Amino acid sequence: MKALTVGIAAALLTAGVAAQDQGYVASVRSSWNRTKTLVSSSAAAMPESGYASRPTPDVRSFGEIIGHLANEHYMICSSFKTVV
């Protein structure tokens, strides 16, 4: 789970540097693709029994984090769909 968090943070932090070279849209697309790959690979690699695991009782389980990301993705994409 730490690798997932570090991967997402690194992808988001590099977006600013890449924006200077590739342009904003290309940078965001690159960051999104990298993050999407990290999240989906992490979800696929986690055994079913691991989805309930929590680092501490106060932290969301792995399954809850994946569910949260899916909900946020749906919310963001659906808001763009209504604009376009």
PDB file of N, CA and C in Angstrom:
ATOM      1  N   MET A   1       0.835  -1.186   0.000  1.00  0.00           N
ATOM      2  CA  MET A   1       0.000   0.000   0.000  1.00  0.00           C
ATOM      3  C   MET A   1       0.881   1.251   0.000  1.00  0.00           C
ATOM      4  N   LYS A   2       2.017   1.162   0.665  1.00  0.00           N
ATOM      5  CA  LYS A   2       2.932   2.295   0.671  1.00  0.00           C
ATOM      6  C   LYS A   2       3.421   2.583  -0.753  1.00  0.00           C
ATOM      7  N   ALA A   3       3.673   1.529  -1.524  1.00  0.00           N
ATOM      8  CA  ALA A   3       4.127   1.715  -2.905  1.00  0.00           C
ATOM      9  C   ALA A   3       3.055   2.411  -3.732  1.00  0.00           C
ATOM     10  N   LEU A   4       1.792   2.075  -3.483  1.00  0.00           N
ATOM     11  CA  LEU A   4       0.687   2.724  -4.197  1.00  0.00           C
ATOM     12  C   LEU A   4       0.664   4.212  -3.879  1.00  0.00           C
ATOM     13  N   THR A   5       0.772   4.553  -2.601  1.00  0.00           N
ATOM     14  CA  THR A   5       0.754   5.961  -2.187  1.00  0.00           C
ATOM     15  C   THR A   5       1.943   6.714  -2.760  1.00  0.00           C
ATOM     16  N   VAL A   6       3.115   6.119  -2.682  1.00  0.00           N
ATOM     17  CA  VAL A   6       4.316   6.762  -3.215  1.00  0.00           C
ATOM     18  C   VAL A   6       4.211   6.922  -4.720  1.00  0.00           C
ATOM     19  N   GLY A   7       3.686   5.910  -5.404  1.00  0.00           N
ATOM     20  CA  GLY A   7       3.536   5.985  -6.859  1.00  0.00           C
ATOM     21  C   GLY A   7       2.590   7.085  -7.285  1.00  0.00           C
ATOM     22  N   ILE A   8       1.475   7.204  -6.586  1.00  0.00           N
ATOM     23  CA  ILE A   8       0.507   8.253  -6.913  1.00  0.00           C
ATOM     24  C   ILE A   8       1.104   9.621  -6.647  1.00  0.00           C
ATOM     25  N   ALA A   9       1.784   9.784  -5.517  1.00  0.00           N
ATOM     26  CA  ALA A   9       2.412  11.071  -5.186  1.00  0.00           C
ATOM     27  C   ALA A   9       3.468  11.435  -6.223  1.00  0.00           C
ATOM     28  N   ALA A  10       4.285  10.467  -6.621  1.00  0.00           N
ATOM     29  CA  ALA A  10       5.319  10.740  -7.620  1.00  0.00           C
ATOM     30  C   ALA A  10       4.713  11.130  -8.958  1.00  0.00           C
ATOM     31  N   ALA A  11       3.648  10.446  -9.358  1.00  0.00           N
ATOM     32  CA  ALA A  11       2.995  10.768 -10.628  1.00  0.00           C
ATOM     33  C   ALA A  11       2.443  12.182 -10.618  1.00  0.00           C
ATOM     34  N   LEU A  12       1.837  12.569  -9.512  1.00  0.00           N
ATOM     35  CA  LEU A  12       1.263  13.914  -9.427  1.00  0.00           C
ATOM     36  C   LEU A  12       2.334  14.990  -9.343  1.00  0.00           C
ATOM     37  N   LEU A  13       3.429  14.700  -8.643  1.00  0.00           N
ATOM     38  CA  LEU A  13       4.497  15.693  -8.514  1.00  0.00           C
ATOM     39  C   LEU A  13       5.248  15.912  -9.832  1.00  0.00           C
ATOM     40  N   THR A  14       5.397  14.858 -10.615  1.00  0.00           N
ATOM     41  CA  THR A  14       6.113  15.003 -11.880  1.00  0.00           C
ATOM     42  C   THR A  14       5.282  15.707 -12.947  1.00  0.00           C
ATOM     43  N   ALA A  15       3.993  15.819 -12.724  1.00  0.00           N
ATOM     44  CA  ALA A  15       3.129  16.469 -13.712  1.00  0.00           C
ATOM     45  C   ALA A  15       3.542  17.919 -13.933  1.00  0.00           C
ATOM     46  N   GLY A  16       3.927  18.609 -12.884  1.00  0.00           N
ATOM     47  CA  GLY A  16       4.342  20.009 -13.012  1.00  0.00           C
ATOM     48  C   GLY A  16       5.594  20.169 -13.840  1.00  0.00           C
ATOM     49  N   VAL A  17       6.559  19.292 -13.634  1.00  0.00           N
ATOM     50  CA  VAL A  17       7.812  19.350 -14.400  1.00  0.00           C
ATOM     51  C   VAL A  17       7.543  19.005 -15.856  1.00  0.00           C
ATOM     52  N   ALA A  18       6.760  17.975 -16.088  1.00  0.00           N
ATOM     53  CA  ALA A  18       6.464  17.558 -17.457  1.00  0.00           C
ATOM     54  C   ALA A  18       5.643  18.598 -18.197  1.00  0.00           C
ATOM     55  N   ALA A  19       4.863  19.378 -17.476  1.00  0.00           N
ATOM     56  CA  ALA A  19       4.004  20.385 -18.122  1.00  0.00           C
ATOM     57  C   ALA A  19       4.839  21.407 -18.871  1.00  0.00           C
ATOM     58  N   GLN A  20       6.022  21.707 -18.400  1.00  0.00           N
ATOM     59  CA  GLN A  20       6.871  22.687 -19.069  1.00  0.00           C
ATOM     60  C   GLN A  20       7.339  22.176 -20.423  1.00  0.00           C
ATOM     61  N   ASP A  21       7.539  20.875 -20.563  1.00  0.00           N
ATOM     62  CA  ASP A  21       8.063  20.305 -21.801  1.00  0.00           C
ATOM     63  C   ASP A  21       6.970  19.867 -22.766  1.00  0.00           C
ATOM     64  N   GLN A  22       5.912  19.259 -22.284  1.00  0.00           N
ATOM     65  CA  GLN A  22       4.935  18.629 -23.160  1.00  0.00           C
ATOM     66  C   GLN A  22       3.644  19.431 -23.328  1.00  0.00           C
ATOM     67  N   GLY A  23       3.446  20.402 -22.535  1.00  0.00           N
ATOM     68  CA  GLY A  23       2.165  21.086 -22.529  1.00  0.00           C
ATOM     69  C   GLY A  23       1.267  20.510 -21.452  1.00  0.00           C
ATOM     70  N   TYR A  24       0.311  21.276 -21.024  1.00  0.00           N
ATOM     71  CA  TYR A  24      -0.520  20.897 -19.887  1.00  0.00           C
ATOM     72  C   TYR A  24      -1.337  19.629 -20.124  1.00  0.00           C
ATOM     73  N   VAL A  25      -2.026  19.538 -21.235  1.00  0.00           N
ATOM     74  CA  VAL A  25      -2.905  18.393 -21.490  1.00  0.00           C
ATOM     75  C   VAL A  25      -2.104  17.101 -21.582  1.00  0.00           C
ATOM     76  N   ALA A  26      -1.002  17.135 -22.302  1.00  0.00           N
ATOM     77  CA  ALA A  26      -0.166  15.941 -22.427  1.00  0.00           C
ATOM     78  C   ALA A  26       0.397  15.521 -21.076  1.00  0.00           C
ATOM     79  N   SER A  27       0.738  16.481 -20.255  1.00  0.00           N
ATOM     80  CA  SER A  27       1.260  16.187 -18.929  1.00  0.00           C
ATOM     81  C   SER A  27       0.211  15.528 -18.047  1.00  0.00           C
ATOM     82  N   VAL A  28      -0.999  16.075 -18.057  1.00  0.00           N
ATOM     83  CA  VAL A  28      -2.077  15.507 -17.242  1.00  0.00           C
ATOM     84  C   VAL A  28      -2.422  14.106 -17.749  1.00  0.00           C
ATOM     85  N   ARG A  29      -2.459  13.920 -19.049  1.00  0.00           N
ATOM     86  CA  ARG A  29      -2.765  12.601 -19.615  1.00  0.00           C
ATOM     87  C   ARG A  29      -1.694  11.583 -19.224  1.00  0.00           C
ATOM     88  N   SER A  30      -0.452  11.985 -19.282  1.00  0.00           N
ATOM     89  CA  SER A  30       0.644  11.104 -18.901  1.00  0.00           C
ATOM     90  C   SER A  30       0.557  10.733 -17.422  1.00  0.00           C
ATOM     91  N   SER A  31       0.285  11.718 -16.591  1.00  0.00           N
ATOM     92  CA  SER A  31       0.150  11.474 -15.157  1.00  0.00           C
ATOM     93  C   SER A  31      -1.028  10.545 -14.879  1.00  0.00           C
ATOM     94  N   TRP A  32      -2.146  10.778 -15.553  1.00  0.00           N
ATOM     95  CA  TRP A  32      -3.328   9.936 -15.376  1.00  0.00           C
ATOM     96  C   TRP A  32      -3.033   8.494 -15.771  1.00  0.00           C
ATOM     97  N   ASN A  33      -2.397   8.300 -16.918  1.00  0.00           N
ATOM     98  CA  ASN A  33      -2.098   6.946 -17.388  1.00  0.00           C
ATOM     99  C   ASN A  33      -1.165   6.215 -16.427  1.00  0.00           C
ATOM    100  N   ARG A  34      -0.172   6.916 -15.913  1.00  0.00           N
ATOM    101  CA  ARG A  34       0.765   6.322 -14.957  1.00  0.00           C
ATOM    102  C   ARG A  34       0.029   5.925 -13.666  1.00  0.00           C
ATOM    103  N   THR A  35      -0.800   6.828 -13.160  1.00  0.00           N
ATOM    104  CA  THR A  35      -1.541   6.569 -11.927  1.00  0.00           C
ATOM    105  C   THR A  35      -2.540   5.436 -12.125  1.00  0.00           C
ATOM    106  N   LYS A  36      -3.237   5.444 -13.267  1.00  0.00           N
ATOM    107  CA  LYS A  36      -4.208   4.395 -13.586  1.00  0.00           C
ATOM    108  C   LYS A  36      -3.528   3.026 -13.594  1.00  0.00           C
ATOM    109  N   THR A  37      -2.360   2.945 -14.193  1.00  0.00           N
ATOM    110  CA  THR A  37      -1.619   1.691 -14.238  1.00  0.00           C
ATOM    111  C   THR A  37      -1.207   1.234 -12.843  1.00  0.00           C
ATOM    112  N   LEU A  38      -0.723   2.161 -12.019  1.00  0.00           N
ATOM    113  CA  LEU A  38      -0.314   1.807 -10.659  1.00  0.00           C
ATOM    114  C   LEU A  38      -1.483   1.298  -9.828  1.00  0.00           C
ATOM    115  N   VAL A  39      -2.611   1.990  -9.900  1.00  0.00           N
ATOM    116  CA  VAL A  39      -3.775   1.603  -9.095  1.00  0.00           C
ATOM    117  C   VAL A  39      -4.331   0.267  -9.567  1.00  0.00           C
ATOM    118  N   SER A  40      -4.526   0.106 -10.867  1.00  0.00           N
ATOM    119  CA  SER A  40      -5.111  -1.145 -11.364  1.00  0.00           C
ATOM    120  C   SER A  40      -4.164  -2.324 -11.154  1.00  0.00           C
ATOM    121  N   SER A  41      -2.872  -2.114 -11.279  1.00  0.00           N
ATOM    122  CA  SER A  41      -1.908  -3.184 -11.027  1.00  0.00           C
ATOM    123  C   SER A  41      -1.898  -3.576  -9.551  1.00  0.00           C
ATOM    124  N   SER A  42      -1.995  -2.589  -8.679  1.00  0.00           N
ATOM    125  CA  SER A  42      -2.038  -2.866  -7.240  1.00  0.00           C
ATOM    126  C   SER A  42      -3.298  -3.644  -6.883  1.00  0.00           C
ATOM    127  N   ALA A  43      -4.432  -3.251  -7.457  1.00  0.00           N
ATOM    128  CA  ALA A  43      -5.691  -3.946  -7.182  1.00  0.00           C
ATOM    129  C   ALA A  43      -5.650  -5.383  -7.696  1.00  0.00           C
ATOM    130  N   ALA A  44      -5.050  -5.584  -8.857  1.00  0.00           N
ATOM    131  CA  ALA A  44      -4.966  -6.931  -9.426  1.00  0.00           C
ATOM    132  C   ALA A  44      -3.995  -7.811  -8.647  1.00  0.00           C
ATOM    133  N   ALA A  45      -2.926  -7.225  -8.117  1.00  0.00           N
ATOM    134  CA  ALA A  45      -1.922  -7.999  -7.401  1.00  0.00           C
ATOM    135  C   ALA A  45      -2.352  -8.371  -5.983  1.00  0.00           C
ATOM    136  N   MET A  46      -3.276  -7.621  -5.413  1.00  0.00           N
ATOM    137  CA  MET A  46      -3.717  -7.886  -4.040  1.00  0.00           C
ATOM    138  C   MET A  46      -4.609  -9.118  -4.007  1.00  0.00           C
ATOM    139  N   PRO A  47      -4.278 -10.107  -3.173  1.00  0.00           N
ATOM    140  CA  PRO A  47      -5.180 -11.253  -3.052  1.00  0.00           C
ATOM    141  C   PRO A  47      -6.509 -10.814  -2.431  1.00  0.00           C
ATOM    142  N   GLU A  48      -7.549 -11.564  -2.693  1.00  0.00           N
ATOM    143  CA  GLU A  48      -8.881 -11.184  -2.216  1.00  0.00           C
ATOM    144  C   GLU A  48      -8.908 -10.991  -0.701  1.00  0.00           C
ATOM    145  N   SER A  49      -8.168 -11.788   0.010  1.00  0.00           N
ATOM    146  CA  SER A  49      -8.137 -11.673   1.468  1.00  0.00           C
ATOM    147  C   SER A  49      -7.465 -10.377   1.931  1.00  0.00           C
ATOM    148  N   GLY A  50      -6.643  -9.780   1.084  1.00  0.00           N
ATOM    149  CA  GLY A  50      -5.937  -8.558   1.443  1.00  0.00           C
ATOM    150  C   GLY A  50      -6.783  -7.296   1.348  1.00  0.00           C
ATOM    151  N   TYR A  51      -7.931  -7.377   0.709  1.00  0.00           N
ATOM    152  CA  TYR A  51      -8.771  -6.196   0.551  1.00  0.00           C
ATOM    153  C   TYR A  51      -9.323  -5.692   1.882  1.00  0.00           C
ATOM    154  N   ALA A  52      -9.363  -6.544   2.882  1.00  0.00           N
ATOM    155  CA  ALA A  52      -9.862  -6.141   4.196  1.00  0.00           C
ATOM    156  C   ALA A  52      -8.740  -5.661   5.116  1.00  0.00           C
ATOM    157  N   SER A  53      -7.490  -5.776   4.676  1.00  0.00           N
ATOM    158  CA  SER A  53      -6.365  -5.424   5.550  1.00  0.00           C
ATOM    159  C   SER A  53      -6.268  -3.912   5.749  1.00  0.00           C
ATOM    160  N   ARG A  54      -5.883  -3.544   6.971  1.00  0.00           N
ATOM    161  CA  ARG A  54      -5.702  -2.143   7.360  1.00  0.00           C
ATOM    162  C   ARG A  54      -4.343  -2.004   8.022  1.00  0.00           C
ATOM    163  N   PRO A  55      -3.593  -0.962   7.707  1.00  0.00           N
ATOM    164  CA  PRO A  55      -2.307  -0.761   8.390  1.00  0.00           C
ATOM    165  C   PRO A  55      -2.513  -0.482   9.879  1.00  0.00           C
ATOM    166  N   THR A  56      -3.541   0.291  10.209  1.00  0.00           N
ATOM    167  CA  THR A  56      -3.941   0.565  11.592  1.00  0.00           C
ATOM    168  C   THR A  56      -5.466   0.618  11.615  1.00  0.00           C
ATOM    169  N   PRO A  57      -6.073   0.474  12.781  1.00  0.00           N
ATOM    170  CA  PRO A  57      -7.544   0.496  12.843  1.00  0.00           C
ATOM    171  C   PRO A  57      -8.163   1.815  12.368  1.00  0.00           C
ATOM    172  N   ASP A  58      -7.410   2.908  12.424  1.00  0.00           N
ATOM    173  CA  ASP A  58      -7.940   4.222  12.043  1.00  0.00           C
ATOM    174  C   ASP A  58      -7.841   4.520  10.555  1.00  0.00           C
ATOM    175  N   VAL A  59      -7.233   3.636   9.786  1.00  0.00           N
ATOM    176  CA  VAL A  59      -6.985   3.870   8.357  1.00  0.00           C
ATOM    177  C   VAL A  59      -7.926   2.981   7.551  1.00  0.00           C
ATOM    178  N   ARG A  60      -8.352   3.470   6.394  1.00  0.00           N
ATOM    179  CA  ARG A  60      -9.223   2.692   5.509  1.00  0.00           C
ATOM    180  C   ARG A  60      -8.530   1.395   5.099  1.00  0.00           C
ATOM    181  N   SER A  61      -9.338   0.392   4.832  1.00  0.00           N
ATOM    182  CA  SER A  61      -8.792  -0.862   4.311  1.00  0.00           C
ATOM    183  C   SER A  61      -8.390  -0.650   2.847  1.00  0.00           C
ATOM    184  N   PHE A  62      -7.632  -1.593   2.326  1.00  0.00           N
ATOM    185  CA  PHE A  62      -7.219  -1.514   0.922  1.00  0.00           C
ATOM    186  C   PHE A  62      -8.445  -1.463   0.013  1.00  0.00           C
ATOM    187  N   GLY A  63      -9.438  -2.296   0.305  1.00  0.00           N
ATOM    188  CA  GLY A  63     -10.668  -2.310  -0.490  1.00  0.00           C
ATOM    189  C   GLY A  63     -11.413  -0.991  -0.428  1.00  0.00           C
ATOM    190  N   GLU A  64     -11.439  -0.368   0.746  1.00  0.00           N
ATOM    191  CA  GLU A  64     -12.101   0.929   0.881  1.00  0.00           C
ATOM    192  C   GLU A  64     -11.369   2.008   0.086  1.00  0.00           C
ATOM    193  N   ILE A  65     -10.057   1.930   0.046  1.00  0.00           N
ATOM    194  CA  ILE A  65      -9.280   2.906  -0.738  1.00  0.00           C
ATOM    195  C   ILE A  65      -9.572   2.731  -2.232  1.00  0.00           C
ATOM    196  N   ILE A  66      -9.582   1.487  -2.695  1.00  0.00           N
ATOM    197  CA  ILE A  66      -9.889   1.242  -4.114  1.00  0.00           C
ATOM    198  C   ILE A  66     -11.312   1.709  -4.428  1.00  0.00           C
ATOM    199  N   GLY A  67     -12.259   1.434  -3.535  1.00  0.00           N
ATOM    200  CA  GLY A  67     -13.634   1.903  -3.727  1.00  0.00           C
ATOM    201  C   GLY A  67     -13.718   3.420  -3.753  1.00  0.00           C
ATOM    202  N   HIS A  68     -12.962   4.071  -2.880  1.00  0.00           N
ATOM    203  CA  HIS A  68     -12.939   5.539  -2.847  1.00  0.00           C
ATOM    204  C   HIS A  68     -12.408   6.091  -4.175  1.00  0.00           C
ATOM    205  N   LEU A  69     -11.333   5.505  -4.671  1.00  0.00           N
ATOM    206  CA  LEU A  69     -10.768   5.965  -5.947  1.00  0.00           C
ATOM    207  C   LEU A  69     -11.764   5.775  -7.085  1.00  0.00           C
ATOM    208  N   ALA A  70     -12.475   4.653  -7.085  1.00  0.00           N
ATOM    209  CA  ALA A  70     -13.479   4.402  -8.132  1.00  0.00           C
ATOM    210  C   ALA A  70     -14.606   5.425  -8.054  1.00  0.00           C
ATOM    211  N   ASN A  71     -15.071   5.715  -6.847  1.00  0.00           N
ATOM    212  CA  ASN A  71     -16.147   6.706  -6.682  1.00  0.00           C
ATOM    213  C   ASN A  71     -15.698   8.094  -7.130  1.00  0.00           C
ATOM    214  N   GLU A  72     -14.494   8.483  -6.743  1.00  0.00           N
ATOM    215  CA  GLU A  72     -13.979   9.794  -7.141  1.00  0.00           C
ATOM    216  C   GLU A  72     -13.814   9.880  -8.651  1.00  0.00           C
ATOM    217  N   HIS A  73     -13.325   8.807  -9.263  1.00  0.00           N
ATOM    218  CA  HIS A  73     -13.156   8.776 -10.715  1.00  0.00           C
ATOM    219  C   HIS A  73     -14.506   8.954 -11.401  1.00  0.00           C
ATOM    220  N   TYR A  74     -15.512   8.238 -10.916  1.00  0.00           N
ATOM    221  CA  TYR A  74     -16.851   8.345 -11.480  1.00  0.00           C
ATOM    222  C   TYR A  74     -17.383   9.775 -11.336  1.00  0.00           C
ATOM    223  N   MET A  75     -17.198  10.376 -10.144  1.00  0.00           N
ATOM    224  CA  MET A  75     -17.700  11.720  -9.900  1.00  0.00           C
ATOM    225  C   MET A  75     -17.020  12.748 -10.831  1.00  0.00           C
ATOM    226  N   ILE A  76     -15.706  12.641 -10.961  1.00  0.00           N
ATOM    227  CA  ILE A  76     -14.964  13.590 -11.802  1.00  0.00           C
ATOM    228  C   ILE A  76     -15.354  13.411 -13.271  1.00  0.00           C
ATOM    229  N   CYS A  77     -15.378  12.173 -13.741  1.00  0.00           N
ATOM    230  CA  CYS A  77     -15.701  11.930 -15.153  1.00  0.00           C
ATOM    231  C   CYS A  77     -17.140  12.303 -15.465  1.00  0.00           C
ATOM    232  N   SER A  78     -18.062  12.051 -14.558  1.00  0.00           N
ATOM    233  CA  SER A  78     -19.458  12.398 -14.824  1.00  0.00           C
ATOM    234  C   SER A  78     -19.652  13.915 -14.858  1.00  0.00           C
ATOM    235  N   SER A  79     -18.871  14.650 -14.092  1.00  0.00           N
ATOM    236  CA  SER A  79     -18.987  16.119 -14.150  1.00  0.00           C
ATOM    237  C   SER A  79     -18.464  16.649 -15.481  1.00  0.00           C
ATOM    238  N   PHE A  80     -17.415  16.019 -16.023  1.00  0.00           N
ATOM    239  CA  PHE A  80     -16.924  16.441 -17.331  1.00  0.00           C
ATOM    240  C   PHE A  80     -17.928  16.093 -18.431  1.00  0.00           C
ATOM    241  N   LYS A  81     -18.594  14.963 -18.275  1.00  0.00           N
ATOM    242  CA  LYS A  81     -19.564  14.535 -19.284  1.00  0.00           C
ATOM    243  C   LYS A  81     -20.708  15.523 -19.412  1.00  0.00           C
ATOM    244  N   THR A  82     -21.126  16.133 -18.294  1.00  0.00           N
ATOM    245  CA  THR A  82     -22.216  17.092 -18.348  1.00  0.00           C
ATOM    246  C   THR A  82     -21.779  18.409 -18.964  1.00  0.00           C
ATOM    247  N   VAL A  83     -20.492  18.708 -18.902  1.00  0.00           N
ATOM    248  CA  VAL A  83     -19.962  19.962 -19.471  1.00  0.00           C
ATOM    249  C   VAL A  83     -19.789  19.837 -20.978  1.00  0.00           C
ATOM    250  N   VAL A  84     -19.311  18.693 -21.420  1.00  0.00           N
ATOM    251  CA  VAL A  84     -18.972  18.504 -22.836  1.00  0.00           C
ATOM    252  C   VAL A  84     -20.146  18.156 -23.630  1.00  0.00           C
TER     253      VAL A  84
END
